[in-house]
Amino acid sequence: MSSPFFSKAWRGLAAAAAVASLGACAIFSPPKFEPGASPAAVTQQLGQPTGDYPQPGGGHTLEFASGPFGRFTYLVRFDGDDKLVSGEQVLTERNFNAIRAGMTADEVRLAIGRPGTTFGVHYPKEIVWAYRYDSPFCQRFMVGMGFDDKVIDTAYGPDPACDNDRPFFAR
């Protein structure tokens, strides 16, 4: 037999959790901008960009990364007249799967932004660009970059932040 007090308490707790989860979604969802908006209007809403990359043929792309361990990076593209063309969250498997051997470092940045972390590998000699992203499998995407700034290979692998063998404070 359940008491009315506990029933009301659980309903209240469930409602509070639902509201909190809706608020969390809003954090990772950038504001919508009308096509043609200026870079100043975008940075006023999103803050200072973490990157500004020239596009081939004119224009530029502003990057808004959520930090080295973040799982969201927004790229906002502007044409040669500094008018907004598009913006999207780019850390997705669809975008990762478009990265191919031979692409330049600049092409990778224009496609998926800067890496969250980098580390060297002895064989093959390369620098690995690692990207955390929102995945139910706690994995990250990695790009093997040669010393000529061209992609050698790509792979998915476990995210070390999810390693349960280490104490929480050591992650």
C-alpha atoms as a PDB file:
ATOM      1  CA  MET A   1       0.000   0.000   0.000  1.00  0.00           C
ATOM      2  CA  SER A   2       1.540   3.322  -1.001  1.00  0.00           C
ATOM      3  CA  SER A   3       1.010   6.447   0.985  1.00  0.00           C
ATOM      4  CA  PRO A   4      -0.377   9.583  -0.732  1.00  0.00           C
ATOM      5  CA  PHE A   5       2.628  11.546   0.570  1.00  0.00           C
ATOM      6  CA  PHE A   6       5.148   9.385  -1.284  1.00  0.00           C
ATOM      7  CA  SER A   7       3.025   9.344  -4.399  1.00  0.00           C
ATOM      8  CA  LYS A   8       2.902  13.174  -4.478  1.00  0.00           C
ATOM      9  CA  ALA A   9       6.605  13.412  -3.640  1.00  0.00           C
ATOM     10  CA  TRP A  10       7.552  11.111  -6.521  1.00  0.00           C
ATOM     11  CA  ARG A  11       5.310  13.009  -8.946  1.00  0.00           C
ATOM     12  CA  GLY A  12       6.915  16.282  -7.870  1.00  0.00           C
ATOM     13  CA  LEU A  13      10.394  14.827  -8.238  1.00  0.00           C
ATOM     14  CA  ALA A  14       9.572  13.461 -11.688  1.00  0.00           C
ATOM     15  CA  ALA A  15       8.194  16.835 -12.780  1.00  0.00           C
ATOM     16  CA  ALA A  16      11.313  18.626 -11.510  1.00  0.00           C
ATOM     17  CA  ALA A  17      13.548  16.152 -13.363  1.00  0.00           C
ATOM     18  CA  ALA A  18      11.585  16.686 -16.577  1.00  0.00           C
ATOM     19  CA  VAL A  19      11.915  20.471 -16.331  1.00  0.00           C
ATOM     20  CA  ALA A  20      15.637  20.182 -15.591  1.00  0.00           C
ATOM     21  CA  SER A  21      16.202  17.914 -18.591  1.00  0.00           C
ATOM     22  CA  LEU A  22      14.389  20.351 -20.870  1.00  0.00           C
ATOM     23  CA  GLY A  23      16.634  23.129 -19.586  1.00  0.00           C
ATOM     24  CA  ALA A  24      19.722  21.014 -20.285  1.00  0.00           C
ATOM     25  CA  CYS A  25      18.629  20.550 -23.898  1.00  0.00           C
ATOM     26  CA  ALA A  26      18.422  24.296 -24.328  1.00  0.00           C
ATOM     27  CA  ILE A  27      22.048  24.676 -23.241  1.00  0.00           C
ATOM     28  CA  PHE A  28      23.287  22.614 -26.206  1.00  0.00           C
ATOM     29  CA  SER A  29      20.906  24.109 -28.750  1.00  0.00           C
ATOM     30  CA  PRO A  30      22.153  27.345 -30.279  1.00  0.00           C
ATOM     31  CA  PRO A  31      19.707  30.126 -31.033  1.00  0.00           C
ATOM     32  CA  LYS A  32      18.238  30.169 -34.499  1.00  0.00           C
ATOM     33  CA  PHE A  33      19.492  32.930 -36.762  1.00  0.00           C
ATOM     34  CA  GLU A  34      17.905  34.244 -39.904  1.00  0.00           C
ATOM     35  CA  PRO A  35      19.894  33.812 -43.120  1.00  0.00           C
ATOM     36  CA  GLY A  36      21.851  36.998 -43.722  1.00  0.00           C
ATOM     37  CA  ALA A  37      22.570  37.708 -40.032  1.00  0.00           C
ATOM     38  CA  SER A  38      25.908  39.355 -39.297  1.00  0.00           C
ATOM     39  CA  PRO A  39      28.848  37.825 -37.411  1.00  0.00           C
ATOM     40  CA  ALA A  40      28.291  40.466 -34.708  1.00  0.00           C
ATOM     41  CA  ALA A  41      24.708  39.249 -34.132  1.00  0.00           C
ATOM     42  CA  VAL A  42      25.910  35.644 -33.880  1.00  0.00           C
ATOM     43  CA  THR A  43      28.771  36.387 -31.469  1.00  0.00           C
ATOM     44  CA  GLN A  44      26.461  38.524 -29.341  1.00  0.00           C
ATOM     45  CA  GLN A  45      24.325  35.419 -28.772  1.00  0.00           C
ATOM     46  CA  LEU A  46      27.002  32.694 -28.712  1.00  0.00           C
ATOM     47  CA  GLY A  47      30.022  34.529 -27.281  1.00  0.00           C
ATOM     48  CA  GLN A  48      33.523  34.647 -28.665  1.00  0.00           C
ATOM     49  CA  PRO A  49      34.245  32.033 -31.323  1.00  0.00           C
ATOM     50  CA  THR A  50      36.944  29.435 -30.720  1.00  0.00           C
ATOM     51  CA  GLY A  51      38.010  29.594 -34.353  1.00  0.00           C
ATOM     52  CA  ASP A  52      37.616  31.668 -37.506  1.00  0.00           C
ATOM     53  CA  TYR A  53      38.473  29.766 -40.684  1.00  0.00           C
ATOM     54  CA  PRO A  54      38.590  31.199 -44.211  1.00  0.00           C
ATOM     55  CA  GLN A  55      36.489  29.278 -46.750  1.00  0.00           C
ATOM     56  CA  PRO A  56      37.735  28.474 -50.217  1.00  0.00           C
ATOM     57  CA  GLY A  57      36.152  30.902 -52.654  1.00  0.00           C
ATOM     58  CA  GLY A  58      35.491  33.583 -50.032  1.00  0.00           C
ATOM     59  CA  GLY A  59      33.644  33.891 -46.792  1.00  0.00           C
ATOM     60  CA  HIS A  60      34.592  32.380 -43.454  1.00  0.00           C
ATOM     61  CA  THR A  61      33.383  29.962 -40.808  1.00  0.00           C
ATOM     62  CA  LEU A  62      33.122  30.780 -37.111  1.00  0.00           C
ATOM     63  CA  GLU A  63      33.600  27.885 -34.730  1.00  0.00           C
ATOM     64  CA  PHE A  64      31.936  27.681 -31.318  1.00  0.00           C
ATOM     65  CA  ALA A  65      33.393  24.648 -29.514  1.00  0.00           C
ATOM     66  CA  SER A  66      32.182  23.652 -26.081  1.00  0.00           C
ATOM     67  CA  GLY A  67      35.663  23.084 -24.686  1.00  0.00           C
ATOM     68  CA  PRO A  68      38.324  20.401 -24.885  1.00  0.00           C
ATOM     69  CA  PHE A  69      36.053  17.793 -23.321  1.00  0.00           C
ATOM     70  CA  GLY A  70      32.837  19.093 -24.855  1.00  0.00           C
ATOM     71  CA  ARG A  71      30.654  17.068 -27.143  1.00  0.00           C
ATOM     72  CA  PHE A  72      29.234  19.881 -29.257  1.00  0.00           C
ATOM     73  CA  THR A  73      30.843  22.190 -31.811  1.00  0.00           C
ATOM     74  CA  TYR A  74      28.821  24.620 -33.861  1.00  0.00           C
ATOM     75  CA  LEU A  75      30.146  25.910 -37.188  1.00  0.00           C
ATOM     76  CA  VAL A  76      28.472  29.032 -38.509  1.00  0.00           C
ATOM     77  CA  ARG A  77      29.251  29.860 -42.140  1.00  0.00           C
ATOM     78  CA  PHE A  78      29.271  33.335 -43.688  1.00  0.00           C
ATOM     79  CA  ASP A  79      29.573  34.323 -47.344  1.00  0.00           C
ATOM     80  CA  GLY A  80      32.005  36.884 -48.786  1.00  0.00           C
ATOM     81  CA  ASP A  81      29.638  39.719 -47.779  1.00  0.00           C
ATOM     82  CA  ASP A  82      29.655  38.534 -44.117  1.00  0.00           C
ATOM     83  CA  LYS A  83      26.062  37.323 -44.309  1.00  0.00           C
ATOM     84  CA  LEU A  84      25.033  34.130 -42.496  1.00  0.00           C
ATOM     85  CA  VAL A  85      24.618  31.177 -44.826  1.00  0.00           C
ATOM     86  CA  SER A  86      24.248  28.240 -42.422  1.00  0.00           C
ATOM     87  CA  GLY A  87      25.050  26.909 -38.977  1.00  0.00           C
ATOM     88  CA  GLU A  88      25.059  23.440 -37.506  1.00  0.00           C
ATOM     89  CA  GLN A  89      26.330  21.196 -34.732  1.00  0.00           C
ATOM     90  CA  VAL A  90      29.045  19.295 -36.597  1.00  0.00           C
ATOM     91  CA  LEU A  91      30.221  16.585 -34.188  1.00  0.00           C
ATOM     92  CA  THR A  92      28.077  13.856 -35.731  1.00  0.00           C
ATOM     93  CA  GLU A  93      28.871  10.455 -37.206  1.00  0.00           C
ATOM     94  CA  ARG A  94      27.515  11.632 -40.573  1.00  0.00           C
ATOM     95  CA  ASN A  95      30.147  14.390 -40.675  1.00  0.00           C
ATOM     96  CA  PHE A  96      32.880  12.130 -39.265  1.00  0.00           C
ATOM     97  CA  ASN A  97      32.245   9.521 -41.955  1.00  0.00           C
ATOM     98  CA  ALA A  98      32.860  12.171 -44.634  1.00  0.00           C
ATOM     99  CA  ILE A  99      36.472  12.659 -43.482  1.00  0.00           C
ATOM    100  CA  ARG A 100      38.756  10.855 -45.925  1.00  0.00           C
ATOM    101  CA  ALA A 101      42.460  10.099 -46.245  1.00  0.00           C
ATOM    102  CA  GLY A 102      44.240  12.883 -48.117  1.00  0.00           C
ATOM    103  CA  MET A 103      42.065  15.734 -46.791  1.00  0.00           C
ATOM    104  CA  THR A 104      44.035  18.681 -45.441  1.00  0.00           C
ATOM    105  CA  ALA A 105      43.955  19.896 -41.854  1.00  0.00           C
ATOM    106  CA  ASP A 106      42.092  23.007 -43.040  1.00  0.00           C
ATOM    107  CA  GLU A 107      39.438  20.880 -44.764  1.00  0.00           C
ATOM    108  CA  VAL A 108      38.938  18.861 -41.574  1.00  0.00           C
ATOM    109  CA  ARG A 109      38.565  22.035 -39.479  1.00  0.00           C
ATOM    110  CA  LEU A 110      35.987  23.382 -41.950  1.00  0.00           C
ATOM    111  CA  ALA A 111      34.057  20.101 -41.706  1.00  0.00           C
ATOM    112  CA  ILE A 112      34.166  19.262 -37.972  1.00  0.00           C
ATOM    113  CA  GLY A 113      36.115  22.033 -36.222  1.00  0.00           C
ATOM    114  CA  ARG A 114      39.211  21.834 -34.077  1.00  0.00           C
ATOM    115  CA  PRO A 115      39.981  18.660 -32.158  1.00  0.00           C
ATOM    116  CA  GLY A 116      39.209  18.417 -28.465  1.00  0.00           C
ATOM    117  CA  THR A 117      42.587  16.810 -27.781  1.00  0.00           C
ATOM    118  CA  THR A 118      45.638  15.689 -29.730  1.00  0.00           C
ATOM    119  CA  PHE A 119      48.309  13.086 -29.080  1.00  0.00           C
ATOM    120  CA  GLY A 120      51.190  11.565 -30.972  1.00  0.00           C
ATOM    121  CA  VAL A 121      51.476   7.993 -32.214  1.00  0.00           C
ATOM    122  CA  HIS A 122      54.797   6.340 -33.040  1.00  0.00           C
ATOM    123  CA  TYR A 123      53.623   3.959 -35.759  1.00  0.00           C
ATOM    124  CA  PRO A 124      52.488   5.172 -38.119  1.00  0.00           C
ATOM    125  CA  LYS A 125      54.066   8.495 -37.247  1.00  0.00           C
ATOM    126  CA  GLU A 126      51.062  10.765 -36.907  1.00  0.00           C
ATOM    127  CA  ILE A 127      49.269  13.202 -34.653  1.00  0.00           C
ATOM    128  CA  VAL A 128      45.814  11.979 -33.653  1.00  0.00           C
ATOM    129  CA  TRP A 129      43.053  14.565 -33.451  1.00  0.00           C
ATOM    130  CA  ALA A 130      40.387  13.273 -31.045  1.00  0.00           C
ATOM    131  CA  TYR A 131      36.771  14.461 -30.954  1.00  0.00           C
ATOM    132  CA  ARG A 132      34.335  13.613 -28.180  1.00  0.00           C
ATOM    133  CA  TYR A 133      30.733  13.669 -29.303  1.00  0.00           C
ATOM    134  CA  ASP A 134      27.261  12.883 -28.052  1.00  0.00           C
ATOM    135  CA  SER A 135      27.048   9.100 -28.373  1.00  0.00           C
ATOM    136  CA  PRO A 136      25.280   6.441 -26.296  1.00  0.00           C
ATOM    137  CA  PHE A 137      28.391   4.253 -26.674  1.00  0.00           C
ATOM    138  CA  CYS A 138      30.863   6.610 -24.955  1.00  0.00           C
ATOM    139  CA  GLN A 139      33.243   6.701 -27.856  1.00  0.00           C
ATOM    140  CA  ARG A 140      35.238   9.327 -29.685  1.00  0.00           C
ATOM    141  CA  PHE A 141      36.215   9.915 -33.275  1.00  0.00           C
ATOM    142  CA  MET A 142      39.893  10.119 -34.164  1.00  0.00           C
ATOM    143  CA  VAL A 143      41.679  11.518 -37.195  1.00  0.00           C
ATOM    144  CA  GLY A 144      45.268  10.418 -37.861  1.00  0.00           C
ATOM    145  CA  MET A 145      47.033  13.487 -39.237  1.00  0.00           C
ATOM    146  CA  GLY A 146      50.410  13.132 -40.954  1.00  0.00           C
ATOM    147  CA  PHE A 147      53.219  15.618 -40.469  1.00  0.00           C
ATOM    148  CA  ASP A 148      52.300  17.034 -43.894  1.00  0.00           C
ATOM    149  CA  ASP A 149      48.939  18.122 -42.389  1.00  0.00           C
ATOM    150  CA  LYS A 150      46.980  15.535 -44.391  1.00  0.00           C
ATOM    151  CA  VAL A 151      44.641  12.860 -43.083  1.00  0.00           C
ATOM    152  CA  ILE A 152      46.210   9.394 -43.012  1.00  0.00           C
ATOM    153  CA  ASP A 153      43.338   7.476 -41.415  1.00  0.00           C
ATOM    154  CA  THR A 154      40.272   7.738 -39.177  1.00  0.00           C
ATOM    155  CA  ALA A 155      38.772   5.528 -36.493  1.00  0.00           C
ATOM    156  CA  TYR A 156      36.260   5.346 -33.682  1.00  0.00           C
ATOM    157  CA  GLY A 157      37.473   4.290 -30.261  1.00  0.00           C
ATOM    158  CA  PRO A 158      36.527   4.256 -26.595  1.00  0.00           C
ATOM    159  CA  ASP A 159      36.453   7.587 -24.800  1.00  0.00           C
ATOM    160  CA  PRO A 160      38.967   7.426 -21.922  1.00  0.00           C
ATOM    161  CA  ALA A 161      36.706   9.715 -19.868  1.00  0.00           C
ATOM    162  CA  CYS A 162      34.351   6.739 -19.579  1.00  0.00           C
ATOM    163  CA  ASP A 163      36.990   4.355 -18.261  1.00  0.00           C
ATOM    164  CA  ASN A 164      35.337   2.868 -15.182  1.00  0.00           C
ATOM    165  CA  ASP A 165      38.581   1.275 -13.972  1.00  0.00           C
ATOM    166  CA  ARG A 166      39.938   4.627 -12.825  1.00  0.00           C
ATOM    167  CA  PRO A 167      38.648   6.515  -9.797  1.00  0.00           C
ATOM    168  CA  PHE A 168      36.272   9.345 -10.669  1.00  0.00           C
ATOM    169  CA  PHE A 169      38.684  12.060  -9.511  1.00  0.00           C
ATOM    170  CA  ALA A 170      41.439  10.740 -11.851  1.00  0.00           C
ATOM    171  CA  ARG A 171      39.388  11.106 -15.033  1.00  0.00           C
END
